[in-house]
Amino acid sequence: MRIIKMSKKHEFPSRKTLENYFKTELFDREIIGRFNLTKGRIRKSGPEALVEGELLLFTWDTELVRIGRTLSQQIFCDDGYEKTSKGELKKYPSYFVIDMDSLRVPKGILFQTDLDNILSKISGREIKTKNQGFNWIHESKDLHEWFNGL
């Protein structure tokens, strides 16, 4: 499972820009669901490398705003330049594809503190979703059951 923090400061200053990203921008891309990654966000290899079908939690401004699954592993590219929602050209050396059929708003409101407590209990280790990077959590039966209930 991967926890992806959507940047309020750099790319999504308002709920409106965030919703536009999920409802429009991801569908308008040449590769539908392409989620661009800045350098060093996800490990390239090993057990923490991104895999197809991985569970995704998207947070924004301390709130869980979307859940879904990956449709691809991490893909590296040379042509990874794209405008951000603020109109700035930014380099993205890799991306993964979100399974857009799986992407949805969770049934209830959860905040990062809720996620920290729940995921720490399920995983058996301390989880801090506010940390930099995209937190990785080993997927277990209990984690899948919790995720499927969201």
Protein backbone atom coordinates (compact mmCIF):
# COMPACT_ATOMS: atom_id res chain seq x y z
CA MET A 1 0.00 0.00 0.00
CA ARG A 2 1.17 3.47 -0.82
CA ILE A 3 0.10 6.71 0.87
CA ILE A 4 0.36 9.58 -1.59
CA LYS A 5 0.26 13.12 -0.25
CA MET A 6 -1.19 15.56 -2.76
CA SER A 7 0.65 18.87 -2.29
CA LYS A 8 -1.58 21.75 -1.22
CA LYS A 9 1.36 24.13 -1.25
CA HIS A 10 2.83 23.29 -4.66
CA GLU A 11 0.17 21.83 -6.94
CA PHE A 12 -3.31 21.75 -5.42
CA PRO A 13 -3.91 24.99 -3.51
CA SER A 14 -7.67 24.45 -3.32
CA ARG A 15 -10.19 21.64 -3.15
CA LYS A 16 -11.39 22.77 -6.58
CA THR A 17 -7.97 22.20 -8.21
CA LEU A 18 -7.70 18.83 -6.48
CA GLU A 19 -11.15 17.70 -7.63
CA ASN A 20 -10.42 18.90 -11.18
CA TYR A 21 -7.26 16.78 -11.16
CA PHE A 22 -9.09 13.60 -10.18
CA LYS A 23 -12.26 14.20 -12.23
CA THR A 24 -10.81 15.75 -15.40
CA GLU A 25 -7.02 15.98 -15.73
CA LEU A 26 -6.29 12.29 -15.16
CA PHE A 27 -8.88 11.38 -17.83
CA ASP A 28 -7.57 13.97 -20.32
CA ARG A 29 -4.02 12.64 -20.37
CA GLU A 30 -2.59 10.75 -23.33
CA ILE A 31 -2.25 7.81 -20.96
CA ILE A 32 -5.45 7.93 -18.90
CA GLY A 33 -4.63 7.78 -15.19
CA ARG A 34 -0.95 8.71 -15.60
CA PHE A 35 0.29 9.87 -12.19
CA ASN A 36 3.59 11.69 -12.60
CA LEU A 37 6.32 11.23 -10.01
CA THR A 38 9.10 13.61 -9.08
CA LYS A 39 12.59 12.17 -8.59
CA GLY A 40 13.10 9.86 -5.64
CA ARG A 41 9.48 9.52 -4.50
CA ILE A 42 9.29 5.74 -4.83
CA ARG A 43 12.02 3.10 -4.64
CA LYS A 44 13.04 1.75 -8.02
CA SER A 45 13.53 -1.86 -6.90
CA GLY A 46 13.19 -4.25 -4.01
CA PRO A 47 10.19 -5.07 -1.82
CA GLU A 48 9.10 -1.40 -1.60
CA ALA A 49 9.03 -0.88 -5.38
CA LEU A 50 5.62 0.01 -6.78
CA VAL A 51 3.73 -2.97 -8.21
CA GLU A 52 0.69 -3.39 -10.41
CA GLY A 53 -2.48 -3.68 -8.31
CA GLU A 54 -0.98 -1.92 -5.28
CA LEU A 55 -3.44 -0.22 -2.93
CA LEU A 56 -3.34 3.59 -2.97
CA LEU A 57 -4.45 6.16 -0.40
CA PHE A 58 -4.42 9.79 -1.55
CA THR A 59 -4.35 12.47 1.16
CA TRP A 60 -4.67 16.23 0.84
CA ASP A 61 -4.55 18.81 3.63
CA THR A 62 -4.54 15.98 6.24
CA GLU A 63 -7.68 14.31 4.80
CA LEU A 64 -8.04 11.02 2.93
CA VAL A 65 -9.57 12.17 -0.38
CA ARG A 66 -9.35 9.16 -2.74
CA ILE A 67 -8.53 5.47 -2.73
CA GLY A 68 -7.67 3.22 -5.64
CA ARG A 69 -5.17 0.79 -7.12
CA THR A 70 -2.29 0.96 -9.54
CA LEU A 71 -2.69 -0.35 -13.07
CA SER A 72 1.06 -0.41 -13.64
CA GLN A 73 4.37 -0.52 -11.89
CA GLN A 74 6.62 2.55 -11.91
CA ILE A 75 7.52 3.50 -15.50
CA PHE A 76 10.64 5.54 -16.27
CA CYS A 77 10.67 8.02 -19.16
CA ASP A 78 12.72 10.74 -20.83
CA ASP A 79 9.75 12.82 -21.96
CA GLY A 80 8.36 13.47 -18.49
CA TYR A 81 7.70 17.20 -18.72
CA GLU A 82 4.21 18.42 -17.97
CA LYS A 83 2.48 21.52 -16.71
CA THR A 84 1.36 21.44 -13.11
CA SER A 85 -2.13 22.59 -12.14
CA LYS A 86 -0.50 26.00 -11.51
CA GLY A 87 0.72 26.10 -15.13
CA GLU A 88 4.41 25.57 -14.33
CA LEU A 89 6.48 23.20 -16.49
CA LYS A 90 7.91 20.46 -14.26
CA LYS A 91 10.09 17.41 -14.90
CA TYR A 92 8.67 14.05 -13.96
CA PRO A 93 11.23 11.27 -14.62
CA SER A 94 8.73 8.51 -13.91
CA TYR A 95 5.06 7.76 -13.48
CA PHE A 96 2.59 5.02 -12.76
CA VAL A 97 -0.91 4.49 -14.05
CA ILE A 98 -3.89 4.60 -11.71
CA ASP A 99 -6.64 2.07 -12.36
CA MET A 100 -9.32 4.71 -12.92
CA ASP A 101 -12.11 2.14 -12.48
CA SER A 102 -10.90 1.60 -8.91
CA LEU A 103 -10.42 5.29 -8.02
CA ARG A 104 -13.12 6.64 -5.71
CA VAL A 105 -13.93 8.85 -2.76
CA PRO A 106 -13.88 6.91 0.53
CA LYS A 107 -17.26 6.25 2.16
CA GLY A 108 -16.36 8.21 5.30
CA ILE A 109 -14.07 11.03 6.36
CA LEU A 110 -10.66 10.02 7.68
CA PHE A 111 -7.80 12.31 8.60
CA GLN A 112 -4.07 11.61 8.78
CA THR A 113 -4.23 11.08 12.54
CA ASP A 114 -6.94 8.45 11.99
CA LEU A 115 -4.82 6.80 9.29
CA ASP A 116 -1.75 6.86 11.55
CA ASN A 117 -3.64 5.05 14.33
CA ILE A 118 -5.42 2.53 12.10
CA LEU A 119 -2.44 1.69 9.91
CA SER A 120 -0.06 1.47 12.87
CA LYS A 121 -2.39 -1.04 14.52
CA ILE A 122 -2.83 -3.12 11.35
CA SER A 123 0.85 -3.10 10.35
CA GLY A 124 2.30 -3.54 13.83
CA ARG A 125 4.69 -0.60 13.37
CA GLU A 126 4.41 3.14 13.79
CA ILE A 127 3.05 4.87 10.68
CA LYS A 128 3.33 8.65 10.27
CA THR A 129 1.46 9.74 7.15
CA LYS A 130 2.71 13.34 7.46
CA ASN A 131 6.30 12.29 6.63
CA GLN A 132 7.89 13.24 3.33
CA GLY A 133 7.81 10.72 0.53
CA PHE A 134 5.08 8.23 -0.22
CA ASN A 135 4.77 5.91 2.77
CA TRP A 136 4.85 2.22 1.91
CA ILE A 137 3.06 -0.40 4.00
CA HIS A 138 3.28 -4.14 3.45
CA GLU A 139 -0.09 -5.43 2.22
CA SER A 140 -1.66 -8.05 4.48
CA LYS A 141 -5.06 -9.73 4.66
CA ASP A 142 -6.09 -7.34 7.47
CA LEU A 143 -4.97 -4.33 5.43
CA HIS A 144 -6.97 -5.51 2.39
CA GLU A 145 -10.08 -6.07 4.54
CA TRP A 146 -9.80 -2.57 6.02
CA PHE A 147 -9.16 -1.01 2.58
CA ASN A 148 -12.14 -2.80 1.01
CA GLY A 149 -14.39 -1.32 3.71
CA LEU A 150 -13.37 2.26 2.94
